Amino acid sequence: MKAAIIIPARYGSTRYPGKPLVELRTREGKKSLIQLSWEAASKVSGITEIYVATDDKRIEEHAVTFGAKVIRTSSKCKNGTERCAEAVNNAQLDAEIIVNFQGDAPLTPSWFVEEIIAGLKADKSVDMATPVLRLDRKSYNLFSEDRKSDRVGGTTVVFDKDMYALYFSKELIPFFEISKLGSNDEIPCYHHVGVYAYRTNILRDYLGWPESNLEKLEGLEQLRFLFENKRVKCVEVNSKGRIFWELNNPNDVQLIEEVLF
């Protein structure tokens, strides 16, 4: 079963304009966010092709300098899933599984992607899978600080006993009182890692579904699947001691550079 990675990238982000071309310090010198994400995606095993999908000439011209294959998409795409779906149609990709690898998550470990692909292959009843990572105390504090400062930070998720998503939110869910947890108790929250593996057919369906009100309010594309009564498989992953964080706002640059540099 062929699997391809698409990295959706747009210049005109409402939260962080020009984000794909932001440069971060690494041990090899400065590199753009989109290049770092492409390099991270290149470490995933079992992938036939990797593409950057964009509507912006600046991103396209930059991407080809570090060897990326680029698929041009329209400026009408509202989110990364729509851009991936349009890229599949425009390039007539024949992969049975498409991975939406976020262009703002260069710290994504390769095994996160490998495990959601395996999860999708193992559960024939679903057309989409995504990784979830239990928050540790440090990550919980970062999430909490973002919300207290009214910054858009990471996404959390709650799921049922069979690991099917119930809801995703930019708020910390579920509610709990951390003061009532013991020092050795686990944080009962899961970070939703913004990577998705889809069967190609569900991407084509996605383009025909209207945005739901919840999707608009939260700014989370995956809520369209839940609104359409499509099951989303959550695959719990282990960071194996690696620090994982996405570049959601300018404050995150330093956090990511501390890992890269």
C-alpha atoms as a PDB file:
ATOM      1  CA  MET A   1       0.000   0.000   0.000  1.00  0.00           C
ATOM      2  CA  LYS A   2       1.664   3.210  -1.200  1.00  0.00           C
ATOM      3  CA  ALA A   3       1.907   6.136   1.190  1.00  0.00           C
ATOM      4  CA  ALA A   4       2.949   9.687   0.315  1.00  0.00           C
ATOM      5  CA  ILE A   5       3.597  12.727   2.506  1.00  0.00           C
ATOM      6  CA  ILE A   6       2.255  16.171   1.655  1.00  0.00           C
ATOM      7  CA  ILE A   7       3.462  19.219   3.596  1.00  0.00           C
ATOM      8  CA  PRO A   8       0.860  21.988   3.166  1.00  0.00           C
ATOM      9  CA  ALA A   9       2.316  25.486   3.376  1.00  0.00           C
ATOM     10  CA  ARG A  10       0.835  28.936   2.939  1.00  0.00           C
ATOM     11  CA  TYR A  11       2.438  32.305   3.349  1.00  0.00           C
ATOM     12  CA  GLY A  12      -0.621  34.261   4.467  1.00  0.00           C
ATOM     13  CA  SER A  13      -1.219  32.644   7.853  1.00  0.00           C
ATOM     14  CA  THR A  14      -3.605  34.726   9.952  1.00  0.00           C
ATOM     15  CA  ARG A  15      -1.808  33.765  13.167  1.00  0.00           C
ATOM     16  CA  TYR A  16       1.761  34.052  11.888  1.00  0.00           C
ATOM     17  CA  PRO A  17       2.207  35.538   8.378  1.00  0.00           C
ATOM     18  CA  GLY A  18       5.187  34.161   6.452  1.00  0.00           C
ATOM     19  CA  LYS A  19       5.636  31.326   8.944  1.00  0.00           C
ATOM     20  CA  PRO A  20       6.966  28.671   6.487  1.00  0.00           C
ATOM     21  CA  LEU A  21       9.931  30.914   5.620  1.00  0.00           C
ATOM     22  CA  VAL A  22      10.804  31.873   9.192  1.00  0.00           C
ATOM     23  CA  GLU A  23      14.438  30.964   9.852  1.00  0.00           C
ATOM     24  CA  LEU A  24      15.482  29.028  12.938  1.00  0.00           C
ATOM     25  CA  ARG A  25      18.949  28.440  14.318  1.00  0.00           C
ATOM     26  CA  THR A  26      20.231  24.864  14.023  1.00  0.00           C
ATOM     27  CA  ARG A  27      23.619  23.197  14.469  1.00  0.00           C
ATOM     28  CA  GLU A  28      24.111  23.478  10.690  1.00  0.00           C
ATOM     29  CA  GLY A  29      23.215  27.167  10.607  1.00  0.00           C
ATOM     30  CA  LYS A  30      19.908  28.871   9.934  1.00  0.00           C
ATOM     31  CA  LYS A  31      17.210  26.941   8.096  1.00  0.00           C
ATOM     32  CA  SER A  32      13.623  27.800   7.220  1.00  0.00           C
ATOM     33  CA  LEU A  33      10.741  26.193   9.045  1.00  0.00           C
ATOM     34  CA  ILE A  34       9.521  24.513   5.860  1.00  0.00           C
ATOM     35  CA  GLN A  35      12.969  23.033   5.160  1.00  0.00           C
ATOM     36  CA  LEU A  36      13.240  21.681   8.690  1.00  0.00           C
ATOM     37  CA  SER A  37       9.789  20.106   8.380  1.00  0.00           C
ATOM     38  CA  TRP A  38      10.717  18.572   5.010  1.00  0.00           C
ATOM     39  CA  GLU A  39      13.906  17.143   6.512  1.00  0.00           C
ATOM     40  CA  ALA A  40      11.898  15.648   9.394  1.00  0.00           C
ATOM     41  CA  ALA A  41       9.405  14.127   6.933  1.00  0.00           C
ATOM     42  CA  SER A  42      12.282  12.634   4.936  1.00  0.00           C
ATOM     43  CA  LYS A  43      13.204  10.462   7.917  1.00  0.00           C
ATOM     44  CA  VAL A  44       9.875   8.584   7.837  1.00  0.00           C
ATOM     45  CA  SER A  45      10.264   5.037   6.517  1.00  0.00           C
ATOM     46  CA  GLY A  46       7.922   3.410   4.001  1.00  0.00           C
ATOM     47  CA  ILE A  47       7.076   6.652   2.160  1.00  0.00           C
ATOM     48  CA  THR A  48       7.138   6.708  -1.652  1.00  0.00           C
ATOM     49  CA  GLU A  49       7.093  10.478  -2.235  1.00  0.00           C
ATOM     50  CA  ILE A  50       7.236  13.757  -0.284  1.00  0.00           C
ATOM     51  CA  TYR A  51       5.695  16.959  -1.616  1.00  0.00           C
ATOM     52  CA  VAL A  52       5.295  20.546  -0.486  1.00  0.00           C
ATOM     53  CA  ALA A  53       1.846  21.863  -1.444  1.00  0.00           C
ATOM     54  CA  THR A  54       1.548  25.644  -1.650  1.00  0.00           C
ATOM     55  CA  ASP A  55      -0.204  28.508  -3.401  1.00  0.00           C
ATOM     56  CA  ASP A  56       2.730  30.875  -2.908  1.00  0.00           C
ATOM     57  CA  LYS A  57       5.560  31.453  -5.393  1.00  0.00           C
ATOM     58  CA  ARG A  58       7.994  32.482  -2.633  1.00  0.00           C
ATOM     59  CA  ILE A  59       7.521  29.186  -0.829  1.00  0.00           C
ATOM     60  CA  GLU A  60       7.728  27.211  -4.087  1.00  0.00           C
ATOM     61  CA  GLU A  61      10.966  28.900  -5.158  1.00  0.00           C
ATOM     62  CA  HIS A  62      12.497  28.372  -1.727  1.00  0.00           C
ATOM     63  CA  ALA A  63      11.386  24.723  -1.481  1.00  0.00           C
ATOM     64  CA  VAL A  64      13.064  23.685  -4.720  1.00  0.00           C
ATOM     65  CA  THR A  65      16.400  25.054  -3.454  1.00  0.00           C
ATOM     66  CA  PHE A  66      16.599  22.293  -0.851  1.00  0.00           C
ATOM     67  CA  GLY A  67      15.319  19.557  -3.174  1.00  0.00           C
ATOM     68  CA  ALA A  68      11.601  19.430  -2.422  1.00  0.00           C
ATOM     69  CA  LYS A  69       9.007  18.471  -5.014  1.00  0.00           C
ATOM     70  CA  VAL A  70       6.262  21.099  -5.135  1.00  0.00           C
ATOM     71  CA  ILE A  71       2.587  20.846  -6.060  1.00  0.00           C
ATOM     72  CA  ARG A  72       0.858  24.166  -6.684  1.00  0.00           C
ATOM     73  CA  THR A  73      -2.574  24.594  -5.141  1.00  0.00           C
ATOM     74  CA  SER A  74      -5.086  27.430  -5.141  1.00  0.00           C
ATOM     75  CA  SER A  75      -5.375  30.229  -2.606  1.00  0.00           C
ATOM     76  CA  LYS A  76      -8.932  29.093  -1.871  1.00  0.00           C
ATOM     77  CA  CYS A  77      -7.824  26.247   0.419  1.00  0.00           C
ATOM     78  CA  LYS A  78      -9.049  27.016   3.935  1.00  0.00           C
ATOM     79  CA  ASN A  79      -6.740  24.598   5.752  1.00  0.00           C
ATOM     80  CA  GLY A  80      -4.039  21.974   5.337  1.00  0.00           C
ATOM     81  CA  THR A  81      -6.458  19.111   4.726  1.00  0.00           C
ATOM     82  CA  GLU A  82      -8.109  20.970   1.852  1.00  0.00           C
ATOM     83  CA  ARG A  83      -4.666  21.764   0.443  1.00  0.00           C
ATOM     84  CA  CYS A  84      -3.651  18.095   0.642  1.00  0.00           C
ATOM     85  CA  ALA A  85      -6.880  17.045  -1.063  1.00  0.00           C
ATOM     86  CA  GLU A  86      -6.392  19.577  -3.836  1.00  0.00           C
ATOM     87  CA  ALA A  87      -2.752  18.522  -4.258  1.00  0.00           C
ATOM     88  CA  VAL A  88      -3.824  14.882  -4.683  1.00  0.00           C
ATOM     89  CA  ASN A  89      -6.253  15.922  -7.418  1.00  0.00           C
ATOM     90  CA  ASN A  90      -3.903  18.364  -9.154  1.00  0.00           C
ATOM     91  CA  ALA A  91      -0.969  15.945  -9.293  1.00  0.00           C
ATOM     92  CA  GLN A  92      -3.171  12.848  -9.752  1.00  0.00           C
ATOM     93  CA  LEU A  93      -1.313  11.037  -6.998  1.00  0.00           C
ATOM     94  CA  ASP A  94      -1.938   7.291  -6.861  1.00  0.00           C
ATOM     95  CA  ALA A  95      -0.913   6.656  -3.237  1.00  0.00           C
ATOM     96  CA  GLU A  96      -3.600   4.887  -1.188  1.00  0.00           C
ATOM     97  CA  ILE A  97      -2.568   6.728   2.002  1.00  0.00           C
ATOM     98  CA  ILE A  98      -1.762  10.434   2.228  1.00  0.00           C
ATOM     99  CA  VAL A  99       0.012  11.886   5.247  1.00  0.00           C
ATOM    100  CA  ASN A 100      -0.571  15.541   6.091  1.00  0.00           C
ATOM    101  CA  PHE A 101       2.738  16.476   7.717  1.00  0.00           C
ATOM    102  CA  GLN A 102       2.488  19.897   9.309  1.00  0.00           C
ATOM    103  CA  GLY A 103       4.924  22.455   7.976  1.00  0.00           C
ATOM    104  CA  ASP A 104       5.228  24.027  11.427  1.00  0.00           C
ATOM    105  CA  ALA A 105       6.250  20.888  13.323  1.00  0.00           C
ATOM    106  CA  PRO A 106       9.911  20.124  12.560  1.00  0.00           C
ATOM    107  CA  LEU A 107      10.293  18.264  15.855  1.00  0.00           C
ATOM    108  CA  THR A 108       7.820  15.559  14.782  1.00  0.00           C
ATOM    109  CA  PRO A 109       9.568  12.180  15.290  1.00  0.00           C
ATOM    110  CA  SER A 110       9.454   9.781  12.358  1.00  0.00           C
ATOM    111  CA  TRP A 111       7.809   7.054  14.423  1.00  0.00           C
ATOM    112  CA  PHE A 112       4.767   9.253  15.100  1.00  0.00           C
ATOM    113  CA  VAL A 113       4.002   9.098  11.381  1.00  0.00           C
ATOM    114  CA  GLU A 114       4.938   5.452  10.992  1.00  0.00           C
ATOM    115  CA  GLU A 115       2.608   4.481  13.840  1.00  0.00           C
ATOM    116  CA  ILE A 116      -0.438   6.327  12.504  1.00  0.00           C
ATOM    117  CA  ILE A 117       0.081   4.750   9.089  1.00  0.00           C
ATOM    118  CA  ALA A 118       0.221   1.344  10.817  1.00  0.00           C
ATOM    119  CA  GLY A 119      -2.889   2.256  12.825  1.00  0.00           C
ATOM    120  CA  LEU A 120      -4.791   3.177   9.683  1.00  0.00           C
ATOM    121  CA  LYS A 121      -3.788  -0.053   7.979  1.00  0.00           C
ATOM    122  CA  ALA A 122      -4.818  -2.087  11.041  1.00  0.00           C
ATOM    123  CA  ASP A 123      -8.279  -0.509  11.462  1.00  0.00           C
ATOM    124  CA  LYS A 124     -10.221  -0.924   8.242  1.00  0.00           C
ATOM    125  CA  SER A 125     -13.259   0.833   9.741  1.00  0.00           C
ATOM    126  CA  VAL A 126     -11.632   4.274   9.710  1.00  0.00           C
ATOM    127  CA  ASP A 127     -10.322   6.514   6.959  1.00  0.00           C
ATOM    128  CA  MET A 128      -8.162   8.764   9.127  1.00  0.00           C
ATOM    129  CA  ALA A 129      -5.677   8.382  11.990  1.00  0.00           C
ATOM    130  CA  THR A 130      -3.736  10.907  14.067  1.00  0.00           C
ATOM    131  CA  PRO A 131      -1.220  10.724  16.953  1.00  0.00           C
ATOM    132  CA  VAL A 132      -1.902  11.729  20.548  1.00  0.00           C
ATOM    133  CA  LEU A 133       0.701  12.260  23.249  1.00  0.00           C
ATOM    134  CA  ARG A 134       0.019  12.382  26.977  1.00  0.00           C
ATOM    135  CA  LEU A 135       1.101  15.710  28.458  1.00  0.00           C
ATOM    136  CA  ASP A 136       3.859  15.719  31.028  1.00  0.00           C
ATOM    137  CA  ARG A 137       4.073  18.467  33.655  1.00  0.00           C
ATOM    138  CA  LYS A 138       6.355  20.674  31.564  1.00  0.00           C
ATOM    139  CA  SER A 139       4.121  20.483  28.494  1.00  0.00           C
ATOM    140  CA  TYR A 140       1.021  21.067  30.602  1.00  0.00           C
ATOM    141  CA  ASN A 141       2.577  24.223  32.021  1.00  0.00           C
ATOM    142  CA  LEU A 142       3.406  25.467  28.514  1.00  0.00           C
ATOM    143  CA  PHE A 143      -0.170  24.848  27.376  1.00  0.00           C
ATOM    144  CA  SER A 144      -1.533  26.602  30.454  1.00  0.00           C
ATOM    145  CA  GLU A 145       0.760  29.601  30.003  1.00  0.00           C
ATOM    146  CA  ASP A 146      -0.351  30.023  26.390  1.00  0.00           C
ATOM    147  CA  ARG A 147      -3.993  30.083  27.403  1.00  0.00           C
ATOM    148  CA  LYS A 148      -3.412  32.467  30.334  1.00  0.00           C
ATOM    149  CA  SER A 149      -1.563  34.808  27.955  1.00  0.00           C
ATOM    150  CA  ASP A 150      -4.338  34.498  25.345  1.00  0.00           C
ATOM    151  CA  ARG A 151      -1.961  32.896  22.832  1.00  0.00           C
ATOM    152  CA  VAL A 152      -3.023  30.159  20.434  1.00  0.00           C
ATOM    153  CA  GLY A 153      -1.026  27.141  21.505  1.00  0.00           C
ATOM    154  CA  GLY A 154      -1.268  23.406  21.058  1.00  0.00           C
ATOM    155  CA  THR A 155      -4.401  21.309  20.631  1.00  0.00           C
ATOM    156  CA  THR A 156      -5.769  18.759  23.073  1.00  0.00           C
ATOM    157  CA  VAL A 157      -8.088  15.828  22.445  1.00  0.00           C
ATOM    158  CA  VAL A 158     -10.436  13.506  24.303  1.00  0.00           C
ATOM    159  CA  PHE A 159     -11.306  10.053  22.970  1.00  0.00           C
ATOM    160  CA  ASP A 160     -13.424   7.027  23.831  1.00  0.00           C
ATOM    161  CA  LYS A 161     -12.369   3.602  25.147  1.00  0.00           C
ATOM    162  CA  ASP A 162     -11.565   2.424  21.620  1.00  0.00           C
ATOM    163  CA  MET A 163      -9.350   5.453  20.916  1.00  0.00           C
ATOM    164  CA  TYR A 164     -11.807   7.182  18.589  1.00  0.00           C
ATOM    165  CA  ALA A 165     -11.770  10.964  18.946  1.00  0.00           C
ATOM    166  CA  LEU A 166     -14.671  12.623  20.746  1.00  0.00           C
ATOM    167  CA  TYR A 167     -13.467  16.219  20.463  1.00  0.00           C
ATOM    168  CA  PHE A 168     -10.429  18.386  19.712  1.00  0.00           C
ATOM    169  CA  SER A 169      -9.914  21.828  21.215  1.00  0.00           C
ATOM    170  CA  LYS A 170      -7.485  24.714  21.558  1.00  0.00           C
ATOM    171  CA  GLU A 171      -8.525  24.772  25.197  1.00  0.00           C
ATOM    172  CA  LEU A 172      -7.116  22.305  27.693  1.00  0.00           C
ATOM    173  CA  ILE A 173      -9.574  19.424  27.839  1.00  0.00           C
ATOM    174  CA  PRO A 174     -10.821  17.710  29.901  1.00  0.00           C
ATOM    175  CA  PHE A 175     -11.132  20.121  32.804  1.00  0.00           C
ATOM    176  CA  PHE A 176      -9.414  18.992  35.985  1.00  0.00           C
ATOM    177  CA  GLU A 177      -7.859  20.587  39.071  1.00  0.00           C
ATOM    178  CA  ILE A 178      -4.117  20.060  38.978  1.00  0.00           C
ATOM    179  CA  SER A 179      -3.884  20.913  42.686  1.00  0.00           C
ATOM    180  CA  LYS A 180      -5.717  17.674  43.428  1.00  0.00           C
ATOM    181  CA  LEU A 181      -3.194  15.517  41.574  1.00  0.00           C
ATOM    182  CA  GLY A 182      -0.466  13.757  43.482  1.00  0.00           C
ATOM    183  CA  SER A 183       3.144  14.451  42.555  1.00  0.00           C
ATOM    184  CA  ASN A 184       3.371  11.075  40.787  1.00  0.00           C
ATOM    185  CA  ASP A 185      -0.055  11.209  39.129  1.00  0.00           C
ATOM    186  CA  GLU A 186      -0.193  11.443  35.346  1.00  0.00           C
ATOM    187  CA  ILE A 187      -1.690  14.527  33.697  1.00  0.00           C
ATOM    188  CA  PRO A 188      -5.112  13.447  32.306  1.00  0.00           C
ATOM    189  CA  CYS A 189      -4.697  15.476  29.095  1.00  0.00           C
ATOM    190  CA  TYR A 190      -3.470  14.478  25.672  1.00  0.00           C
ATOM    191  CA  HIS A 191      -1.687  16.700  23.180  1.00  0.00           C
ATOM    192  CA  HIS A 192      -3.058  16.207  19.705  1.00  0.00           C
ATOM    193  CA  VAL A 193      -0.070  16.081  17.373  1.00  0.00           C
ATOM    194  CA  GLY A 194      -1.173  17.789  14.164  1.00  0.00           C
ATOM    195  CA  VAL A 195      -0.242  15.021  11.734  1.00  0.00           C
ATOM    196  CA  TYR A 196      -2.858  13.034   9.836  1.00  0.00           C
ATOM    197  CA  ALA A 197      -2.914   9.883   7.768  1.00  0.00           C
ATOM    198  CA  TYR A 198      -5.910   9.607   5.443  1.00  0.00           C
ATOM    199  CA  ARG A 199      -7.174   7.127   2.934  1.00  0.00           C
ATOM    200  CA  THR A 200      -7.230   9.014  -0.354  1.00  0.00           C
ATOM    201  CA  ASN A 201     -10.984   8.620  -0.851  1.00  0.00           C
ATOM    202  CA  ILE A 202     -11.868  10.508   2.339  1.00  0.00           C
ATOM    203  CA  LEU A 203      -9.828  13.519   1.188  1.00  0.00           C
ATOM    204  CA  ARG A 204     -11.982  13.775  -1.926  1.00  0.00           C
ATOM    205  CA  ASP A 205     -15.100  13.641   0.268  1.00  0.00           C
ATOM    206  CA  TYR A 206     -13.681  16.330   2.583  1.00  0.00           C
ATOM    207  CA  LEU A 207     -13.665  18.921  -0.190  1.00  0.00           C
ATOM    208  CA  GLY A 208     -17.413  18.470  -0.607  1.00  0.00           C
ATOM    209  CA  TRP A 209     -18.291  18.965   3.061  1.00  0.00           C
ATOM    210  CA  PRO A 210     -19.103  22.458   4.336  1.00  0.00           C
ATOM    211  CA  GLU A 211     -17.179  23.961   7.234  1.00  0.00           C
ATOM    212  CA  SER A 212     -18.940  23.264  10.508  1.00  0.00           C
ATOM    213  CA  ASN A 213     -19.494  25.982  13.094  1.00  0.00           C
ATOM    214  CA  LEU A 214     -17.235  24.156  15.558  1.00  0.00           C
ATOM    215  CA  GLU A 215     -14.445  24.047  12.980  1.00  0.00           C
ATOM    216  CA  LYS A 216     -14.742  27.783  12.456  1.00  0.00           C
ATOM    217  CA  LEU A 217     -14.808  28.555  16.178  1.00  0.00           C
ATOM    218  CA  GLU A 218     -11.850  26.367  17.111  1.00  0.00           C
ATOM    219  CA  GLY A 219      -9.910  26.814  13.884  1.00  0.00           C
ATOM    220  CA  LEU A 220      -9.395  23.045  13.739  1.00  0.00           C
ATOM    221  CA  GLU A 221      -9.855  21.311  10.391  1.00  0.00           C
ATOM    222  CA  GLN A 222     -10.224  17.814  11.886  1.00  0.00           C
ATOM    223  CA  LEU A 223     -13.536  18.787  13.487  1.00  0.00           C
ATOM    224  CA  ARG A 224     -15.127  18.625  10.039  1.00  0.00           C
ATOM    225  CA  PHE A 225     -14.635  14.851  10.109  1.00  0.00           C
ATOM    226  CA  LEU A 226     -16.363  14.511  13.485  1.00  0.00           C
ATOM    227  CA  PHE A 227     -19.203  16.792  12.387  1.00  0.00           C
ATOM    228  CA  GLU A 228     -19.766  14.499   9.398  1.00  0.00           C
ATOM    229  CA  ASN A 229     -19.871  11.473  11.740  1.00  0.00           C
ATOM    230  CA  LYS A 230     -16.560  10.121  10.469  1.00  0.00           C
ATOM    231  CA  ARG A 231     -14.453   8.291  13.018  1.00  0.00           C
ATOM    232  CA  VAL A 232     -10.945   9.536  13.690  1.00  0.00           C
ATOM    233  CA  LYS A 233      -8.566   6.959  15.138  1.00  0.00           C
ATOM    234  CA  CYS A 234      -6.258   8.314  17.834  1.00  0.00           C
ATOM    235  CA  VAL A 235      -2.949   6.482  18.088  1.00  0.00           C
ATOM    236  CA  GLU A 236      -1.117   7.025  21.359  1.00  0.00           C
ATOM    237  CA  VAL A 237       2.570   7.612  20.722  1.00  0.00           C
ATOM    238  CA  ASN A 238       5.614   7.782  22.963  1.00  0.00           C
ATOM    239  CA  SER A 239       8.031  10.688  22.656  1.00  0.00           C
ATOM    240  CA  LYS A 240      10.896   8.437  23.852  1.00  0.00           C
ATOM    241  CA  GLY A 241      12.371  11.380  25.687  1.00  0.00           C
ATOM    242  CA  ARG A 242      12.205  13.662  22.671  1.00  0.00           C
ATOM    243  CA  ILE A 243      10.768  17.137  23.126  1.00  0.00           C
ATOM    244  CA  PHE A 244       7.834  17.780  20.817  1.00  0.00           C
ATOM    245  CA  TRP A 245       6.395  21.218  20.163  1.00  0.00           C
ATOM    246  CA  GLU A 246       4.837  22.981  17.187  1.00  0.00           C
ATOM    247  CA  LEU A 247       5.501  26.537  16.055  1.00  0.00           C
ATOM    248  CA  ASN A 248       2.089  28.030  16.773  1.00  0.00           C
ATOM    249  CA  ASN A 249       3.149  31.588  17.566  1.00  0.00           C
ATOM    250  CA  PRO A 250       6.387  33.652  17.597  1.00  0.00           C
ATOM    251  CA  ASN A 251       7.047  32.698  21.229  1.00  0.00           C
ATOM    252  CA  ASP A 252       7.575  29.098  20.108  1.00  0.00           C
ATOM    253  CA  VAL A 253      10.643  29.913  17.990  1.00  0.00           C
ATOM    254  CA  GLN A 254      12.962  29.932  20.995  1.00  0.00           C
ATOM    255  CA  LEU A 255      11.498  26.690  22.365  1.00  0.00           C
ATOM    256  CA  ILE A 256      12.150  24.875  19.085  1.00  0.00           C
ATOM    257  CA  GLU A 257      15.594  26.419  18.604  1.00  0.00           C
ATOM    258  CA  GLU A 258      16.643  25.165  22.029  1.00  0.00           C
ATOM    259  CA  VAL A 259      16.051  21.627  20.752  1.00  0.00           C
ATOM    260  CA  LEU A 260      17.554  22.159  17.298  1.00  0.00           C
ATOM    261  CA  PHE A 261      20.623  24.152  18.299  1.00  0.00           C
END
